């Protein structure tokens, strides 16, 4: 197989700060070091790995290169393994976020689905 692991995904954000705040304050990722690219953005880390890259959508549309918005396609959802179901529900409610829940048949995984500020559906999987 030519791939080993998921390195990161990039979101073209309508509001960099709002999206950063969601991933940092709601999901618990940490803002970290990012190369000095000639455009605004953030790298958000999980366990020391920069897994979510954020770029400004309007600025991204104006620059040339391999990451133009017209070069990408649909994305349905991103899934994370969750920790502490009750605390997660409380955090989502505290931030005024609407979410839905699902029990996977077999009873081993409970899911929460919540959209990020740019409309990407985030799936949180809690193992029993």
N, C-alpha and C. Protein backbone atom coordinates (compact mmCIF):
# COMPACT_ATOMS: atom_id res chain seq x y z
N UNK A 1 0.85 -1.18 0.00
CA UNK A 1 0.00 0.00 0.00
C UNK A 1 0.89 1.24 0.00
N UNK A 2 0.60 2.25 -0.82
CA UNK A 2 1.47 3.41 -0.93
C UNK A 2 1.31 4.45 0.18
N UNK A 3 0.35 4.30 1.08
CA UNK A 3 0.20 5.26 2.16
C UNK A 3 0.35 4.56 3.51
N UNK A 4 0.79 5.34 4.51
CA UNK A 4 0.99 4.80 5.85
C UNK A 4 -0.02 5.32 6.86
N UNK A 5 -0.33 6.62 6.76
CA UNK A 5 -1.22 7.22 7.75
C UNK A 5 -1.73 8.55 7.24
N UNK A 6 -2.79 9.04 7.85
CA UNK A 6 -3.31 10.37 7.53
C UNK A 6 -2.38 11.39 8.16
N UNK A 7 -1.87 12.32 7.37
CA UNK A 7 -0.99 13.37 7.88
C UNK A 7 -1.78 14.57 8.41
N UNK A 8 -2.67 15.11 7.58
CA UNK A 8 -3.48 16.25 7.99
C UNK A 8 -4.60 16.46 6.97
N UNK A 9 -5.53 17.31 7.34
CA UNK A 9 -6.48 17.81 6.35
C UNK A 9 -6.53 19.32 6.49
N UNK A 10 -6.86 20.00 5.40
CA UNK A 10 -6.87 21.46 5.35
C UNK A 10 -8.29 21.94 5.12
N UNK A 11 -8.65 22.98 5.86
CA UNK A 11 -9.96 23.60 5.71
C UNK A 11 -9.77 25.03 5.23
N UNK A 12 -10.48 25.38 4.17
CA UNK A 12 -10.53 26.75 3.69
C UNK A 12 -11.65 27.43 4.45
N UNK A 13 -11.29 28.30 5.39
CA UNK A 13 -12.22 28.85 6.38
C UNK A 13 -12.82 30.19 5.97
N UNK A 14 -14.11 30.35 6.24
CA UNK A 14 -14.75 31.65 6.09
C UNK A 14 -14.23 32.61 7.15
N UNK A 15 -13.96 32.10 8.35
CA UNK A 15 -13.39 32.89 9.45
C UNK A 15 -12.33 32.03 10.14
N UNK A 16 -11.07 32.38 9.93
CA UNK A 16 -9.97 31.61 10.53
C UNK A 16 -10.12 31.48 12.05
N UNK A 17 -10.37 32.59 12.70
CA UNK A 17 -10.43 32.57 14.17
C UNK A 17 -11.61 31.76 14.68
N UNK A 18 -12.74 31.90 14.05
CA UNK A 18 -13.92 31.14 14.49
C UNK A 18 -13.70 29.64 14.34
N UNK A 19 -13.11 29.23 13.21
CA UNK A 19 -12.84 27.82 13.00
C UNK A 19 -11.74 27.33 13.94
N UNK A 20 -10.69 28.14 14.11
CA UNK A 20 -9.64 27.77 15.06
C UNK A 20 -10.22 27.57 16.45
N UNK A 21 -11.08 28.49 16.88
CA UNK A 21 -11.68 28.41 18.21
C UNK A 21 -12.49 27.13 18.38
N UNK A 22 -13.22 26.72 17.35
CA UNK A 22 -14.01 25.48 17.42
C UNK A 22 -13.09 24.28 17.65
N UNK A 23 -12.08 24.14 16.83
CA UNK A 23 -11.20 22.98 16.96
C UNK A 23 -10.38 23.02 18.25
N UNK A 24 -10.03 24.20 18.71
CA UNK A 24 -9.26 24.35 19.94
C UNK A 24 -10.15 24.23 21.17
N UNK A 25 -11.20 25.04 21.23
CA UNK A 25 -11.99 25.15 22.45
C UNK A 25 -13.05 24.06 22.60
N UNK A 26 -13.54 23.54 21.49
CA UNK A 26 -14.58 22.50 21.55
C UNK A 26 -13.96 21.11 21.45
N UNK A 27 -13.10 20.88 20.47
CA UNK A 27 -12.52 19.55 20.28
C UNK A 27 -11.24 19.32 21.07
N UNK A 28 -10.61 20.39 21.55
CA UNK A 28 -9.43 20.24 22.39
C UNK A 28 -8.11 20.13 21.66
N UNK A 29 -8.07 20.46 20.37
CA UNK A 29 -6.78 20.49 19.67
C UNK A 29 -6.00 21.70 20.16
N UNK A 30 -4.70 21.69 19.97
CA UNK A 30 -3.88 22.82 20.41
C UNK A 30 -3.27 23.53 19.22
N UNK A 31 -3.26 24.85 19.29
CA UNK A 31 -2.64 25.65 18.25
C UNK A 31 -1.13 25.54 18.41
N UNK A 32 -0.43 25.33 17.30
CA UNK A 32 1.00 25.14 17.40
C UNK A 32 1.77 25.77 16.26
N UNK A 33 3.05 25.42 16.22
CA UNK A 33 3.97 25.99 15.26
C UNK A 33 3.51 25.72 13.83
N UNK A 34 3.73 26.71 12.98
CA UNK A 34 3.36 26.64 11.57
C UNK A 34 4.44 27.35 10.77
N UNK A 35 4.85 26.80 9.65
CA UNK A 35 5.85 27.48 8.81
C UNK A 35 5.39 28.87 8.42
N UNK A 36 6.30 29.73 8.08
CA UNK A 36 5.99 31.12 7.73
C UNK A 36 5.54 31.22 6.27
N UNK A 37 4.39 30.63 6.00
CA UNK A 37 3.81 30.71 4.67
C UNK A 37 3.42 32.16 4.39
N UNK A 38 3.33 32.55 3.11
CA UNK A 38 2.95 33.93 2.77
C UNK A 38 1.43 34.15 2.79
N UNK A 39 0.73 33.39 3.60
CA UNK A 39 -0.72 33.54 3.74
C UNK A 39 -1.10 33.16 5.17
N UNK A 40 -2.22 33.69 5.61
CA UNK A 40 -2.67 33.47 6.99
C UNK A 40 -3.19 32.05 7.18
N UNK A 41 -3.00 31.55 8.39
CA UNK A 41 -3.50 30.23 8.70
C UNK A 41 -3.08 29.78 10.09
N UNK A 42 -3.54 28.61 10.46
CA UNK A 42 -3.19 27.99 11.74
C UNK A 42 -2.96 26.51 11.50
N UNK A 43 -2.09 25.93 12.32
CA UNK A 43 -1.94 24.48 12.40
C UNK A 43 -2.40 24.07 13.78
N UNK A 44 -3.27 23.08 13.84
CA UNK A 44 -3.81 22.58 15.10
C UNK A 44 -3.34 21.15 15.32
N UNK A 45 -2.88 20.90 16.53
CA UNK A 45 -2.19 19.65 16.85
C UNK A 45 -3.03 18.74 17.74
N UNK A 46 -2.81 17.44 17.53
CA UNK A 46 -3.36 16.41 18.40
C UNK A 46 -2.21 15.45 18.68
N UNK A 47 -1.84 15.33 19.96
CA UNK A 47 -0.75 14.43 20.33
C UNK A 47 0.57 14.78 19.66
N UNK A 48 0.84 16.06 19.48
CA UNK A 48 2.10 16.48 18.87
C UNK A 48 2.14 16.46 17.36
N UNK A 49 1.02 16.13 16.72
CA UNK A 49 0.95 16.05 15.25
C UNK A 49 0.00 17.13 14.74
N UNK A 50 0.45 17.95 13.77
CA UNK A 50 -0.42 18.99 13.22
C UNK A 50 -1.43 18.40 12.23
N UNK A 51 -2.58 17.96 12.74
CA UNK A 51 -3.52 17.21 11.89
C UNK A 51 -4.55 18.07 11.16
N UNK A 52 -4.81 19.29 11.67
CA UNK A 52 -5.77 20.17 11.01
C UNK A 52 -5.05 21.46 10.62
N UNK A 53 -5.08 21.76 9.33
CA UNK A 53 -4.49 23.00 8.83
C UNK A 53 -5.64 23.91 8.41
N UNK A 54 -5.57 25.14 8.82
CA UNK A 54 -6.61 26.12 8.48
C UNK A 54 -6.00 27.22 7.62
N UNK A 55 -6.71 27.60 6.55
CA UNK A 55 -6.31 28.72 5.71
C UNK A 55 -7.53 29.59 5.47
N UNK A 56 -7.30 30.86 5.24
CA UNK A 56 -8.36 31.82 4.96
C UNK A 56 -8.90 31.57 3.56
N UNK A 57 -10.20 31.33 3.43
CA UNK A 57 -10.80 30.98 2.14
C UNK A 57 -10.65 32.11 1.11
N UNK A 58 -10.94 33.35 1.52
CA UNK A 58 -10.87 34.47 0.58
C UNK A 58 -9.44 34.67 0.09
N UNK A 59 -8.49 34.60 1.00
CA UNK A 59 -7.09 34.75 0.63
C UNK A 59 -6.64 33.58 -0.25
N UNK A 60 -7.11 32.40 0.07
CA UNK A 60 -6.77 31.21 -0.70
C UNK A 60 -7.27 31.32 -2.13
N UNK A 61 -8.46 31.90 -2.31
CA UNK A 61 -9.02 32.07 -3.65
C UNK A 61 -8.19 33.01 -4.51
N UNK A 62 -7.49 33.95 -3.87
CA UNK A 62 -6.73 34.95 -4.62
C UNK A 62 -5.34 34.48 -5.04
N UNK A 63 -4.81 33.48 -4.38
CA UNK A 63 -3.43 33.08 -4.71
C UNK A 63 -3.40 31.93 -5.69
N UNK A 64 -2.32 31.85 -6.41
CA UNK A 64 -2.14 30.76 -7.36
C UNK A 64 -1.49 29.58 -6.66
N UNK A 65 -1.45 28.46 -7.32
CA UNK A 65 -0.77 27.31 -6.77
C UNK A 65 -1.65 26.09 -6.69
N UNK A 66 -1.12 25.03 -6.05
CA UNK A 66 -1.82 23.75 -6.05
C UNK A 66 -3.00 23.66 -5.10
N UNK A 67 -3.27 24.69 -4.33
CA UNK A 67 -4.32 24.59 -3.31
C UNK A 67 -5.50 25.51 -3.58
N UNK A 68 -5.76 25.82 -4.83
CA UNK A 68 -6.90 26.67 -5.15
C UNK A 68 -8.20 25.95 -4.82
N UNK A 69 -9.20 26.71 -4.41
CA UNK A 69 -10.49 26.13 -4.07
C UNK A 69 -11.12 25.33 -5.20
N UNK A 70 -10.87 25.74 -6.43
CA UNK A 70 -11.46 25.03 -7.56
C UNK A 70 -10.81 23.66 -7.79
N UNK A 71 -9.70 23.40 -7.11
CA UNK A 71 -9.00 22.13 -7.28
C UNK A 71 -9.48 21.04 -6.33
N UNK A 72 -10.44 21.33 -5.50
CA UNK A 72 -10.86 20.37 -4.49
C UNK A 72 -12.30 19.94 -4.72
N UNK A 73 -12.73 18.92 -4.00
CA UNK A 73 -14.07 18.38 -4.20
C UNK A 73 -14.78 18.26 -2.86
N UNK A 74 -15.86 17.48 -2.84
CA UNK A 74 -16.70 17.34 -1.66
C UNK A 74 -16.02 16.53 -0.56
N UNK A 75 -16.32 16.88 0.65
CA UNK A 75 -15.86 16.15 1.83
C UNK A 75 -17.08 15.92 2.70
N UNK A 76 -17.35 14.68 3.06
CA UNK A 76 -18.56 14.38 3.83
C UNK A 76 -18.38 14.63 5.31
N UNK A 77 -17.37 13.99 5.92
CA UNK A 77 -17.15 14.21 7.35
C UNK A 77 -15.74 13.78 7.74
N UNK A 78 -15.33 14.22 8.91
CA UNK A 78 -14.05 13.83 9.50
C UNK A 78 -14.38 13.19 10.84
N UNK A 79 -13.77 12.04 11.14
CA UNK A 79 -14.05 11.33 12.38
C UNK A 79 -12.85 11.36 13.32
N UNK A 80 -13.14 11.59 14.59
CA UNK A 80 -12.14 11.54 15.66
C UNK A 80 -12.59 10.51 16.69
N UNK A 81 -11.66 9.89 17.35
CA UNK A 81 -12.00 9.06 18.51
C UNK A 81 -12.24 10.02 19.67
N UNK A 82 -13.39 9.88 20.31
CA UNK A 82 -13.74 10.74 21.43
C UNK A 82 -13.33 10.15 22.77
N UNK A 83 -13.34 11.04 23.76
CA UNK A 83 -13.02 10.65 25.13
C UNK A 83 -14.02 11.34 26.03
N UNK A 84 -14.62 10.64 26.95
CA UNK A 84 -15.52 11.18 27.96
C UNK A 84 -16.79 11.78 27.33
N UNK A 85 -17.73 10.90 27.03
CA UNK A 85 -18.97 11.26 26.36
C UNK A 85 -19.74 12.36 27.10
N UNK A 86 -19.92 12.21 28.40
CA UNK A 86 -20.70 13.20 29.16
C UNK A 86 -20.05 14.58 29.15
N UNK A 87 -18.73 14.64 29.31
CA UNK A 87 -18.03 15.92 29.27
C UNK A 87 -18.13 16.54 27.89
N UNK A 88 -18.05 15.72 26.85
CA UNK A 88 -18.17 16.23 25.48
C UNK A 88 -19.54 16.84 25.26
N UNK A 89 -20.58 16.16 25.70
CA UNK A 89 -21.94 16.72 25.57
C UNK A 89 -22.01 18.08 26.28
N UNK A 90 -21.45 18.17 27.47
CA UNK A 90 -21.49 19.42 28.25
C UNK A 90 -20.74 20.54 27.52
N UNK A 91 -19.59 20.23 26.94
CA UNK A 91 -18.83 21.23 26.19
C UNK A 91 -19.62 21.73 24.99
N UNK A 92 -20.21 20.81 24.24
CA UNK A 92 -21.00 21.21 23.07
C UNK A 92 -22.17 22.09 23.48
N UNK A 93 -22.86 21.73 24.54
CA UNK A 93 -23.99 22.55 25.03
C UNK A 93 -23.51 23.91 25.50
N UNK A 94 -22.39 23.93 26.22
CA UNK A 94 -21.85 25.21 26.73
C UNK A 94 -21.53 26.16 25.59
N UNK A 95 -21.11 25.62 24.45
CA UNK A 95 -20.78 26.44 23.28
C UNK A 95 -22.01 26.69 22.40
N UNK A 96 -23.17 26.21 22.82
CA UNK A 96 -24.40 26.43 22.07
C UNK A 96 -24.45 25.72 20.74
N UNK A 97 -23.79 24.58 20.64
CA UNK A 97 -23.72 23.84 19.38
C UNK A 97 -24.79 22.76 19.30
N UNK A 98 -25.45 22.68 18.16
CA UNK A 98 -26.41 21.61 17.92
C UNK A 98 -25.65 20.38 17.48
N UNK A 99 -26.08 19.23 17.98
CA UNK A 99 -25.44 17.99 17.61
C UNK A 99 -26.47 16.88 17.65
N UNK A 100 -26.13 15.77 16.97
CA UNK A 100 -26.99 14.59 17.02
C UNK A 100 -26.14 13.40 17.45
N UNK A 101 -26.84 12.39 17.95
CA UNK A 101 -26.14 11.21 18.46
C UNK A 101 -26.66 9.97 17.77
N UNK A 102 -25.82 8.93 17.76
CA UNK A 102 -26.17 7.67 17.14
C UNK A 102 -25.45 6.54 17.88
N UNK A 103 -26.15 5.45 18.11
CA UNK A 103 -25.54 4.25 18.67
C UNK A 103 -25.29 3.28 17.51
N UNK A 104 -24.05 2.92 17.30
CA UNK A 104 -23.71 1.99 16.23
C UNK A 104 -24.24 0.61 16.62
N UNK A 105 -24.89 -0.08 15.69
CA UNK A 105 -25.38 -1.43 16.01
C UNK A 105 -24.27 -2.31 16.57
N UNK A 106 -24.59 -3.04 17.60
CA UNK A 106 -23.61 -3.87 18.28
C UNK A 106 -23.21 -3.29 19.62
N UNK A 107 -23.52 -2.00 19.84
CA UNK A 107 -23.34 -1.38 21.14
C UNK A 107 -21.94 -1.01 21.55
N UNK A 108 -20.97 -1.09 20.67
CA UNK A 108 -19.59 -0.79 21.07
C UNK A 108 -19.17 0.65 20.85
N UNK A 109 -19.89 1.35 19.98
CA UNK A 109 -19.51 2.73 19.67
C UNK A 109 -20.75 3.62 19.75
N UNK A 110 -20.59 4.75 20.44
CA UNK A 110 -21.61 5.78 20.48
C UNK A 110 -21.03 6.98 19.74
N UNK A 111 -21.82 7.60 18.87
CA UNK A 111 -21.33 8.69 18.04
C UNK A 111 -22.05 10.00 18.34
N UNK A 112 -21.28 11.07 18.19
CA UNK A 112 -21.83 12.43 18.19
C UNK A 112 -21.42 13.06 16.87
N UNK A 113 -22.35 13.75 16.23
CA UNK A 113 -22.09 14.46 14.99
C UNK A 113 -22.36 15.95 15.23
N UNK A 114 -21.38 16.79 14.90
CA UNK A 114 -21.51 18.23 15.10
C UNK A 114 -20.81 18.93 13.93
N UNK A 115 -21.46 19.92 13.31
CA UNK A 115 -20.79 20.63 12.21
C UNK A 115 -19.79 21.65 12.75
N UNK A 116 -18.68 21.81 12.04
CA UNK A 116 -17.73 22.86 12.40
C UNK A 116 -18.24 24.18 11.81
N UNK A 117 -17.59 25.30 12.10
CA UNK A 117 -18.08 26.60 11.60
C UNK A 117 -18.13 26.73 10.08
N UNK A 118 -17.42 25.87 9.36
CA UNK A 118 -17.44 25.93 7.91
C UNK A 118 -18.34 24.87 7.29
N UNK A 119 -19.12 24.17 8.14
CA UNK A 119 -20.09 23.21 7.65
C UNK A 119 -19.57 21.80 7.45
N UNK A 120 -18.32 21.53 7.85
CA UNK A 120 -17.79 20.17 7.76
C UNK A 120 -18.32 19.39 8.96
N UNK A 121 -18.89 18.25 8.68
CA UNK A 121 -19.45 17.43 9.76
C UNK A 121 -18.32 16.72 10.48
N UNK A 122 -18.29 16.86 11.81
CA UNK A 122 -17.31 16.21 12.66
C UNK A 122 -18.01 15.07 13.36
N UNK A 123 -17.44 13.87 13.24
CA UNK A 123 -17.95 12.67 13.91
C UNK A 123 -17.02 12.36 15.08
N UNK A 124 -17.60 12.19 16.24
CA UNK A 124 -16.84 11.81 17.44
C UNK A 124 -17.30 10.42 17.86
N UNK A 125 -16.38 9.47 17.91
CA UNK A 125 -16.68 8.09 18.24
C UNK A 125 -16.19 7.75 19.64
N UNK A 126 -17.11 7.32 20.48
CA UNK A 126 -16.81 6.96 21.86
C UNK A 126 -16.98 5.46 21.99
N UNK A 127 -15.91 4.78 22.32
CA UNK A 127 -15.97 3.32 22.47
C UNK A 127 -16.36 2.96 23.87
N UNK A 128 -17.27 1.97 24.00
CA UNK A 128 -17.74 1.51 25.30
C UNK A 128 -16.78 0.49 25.87
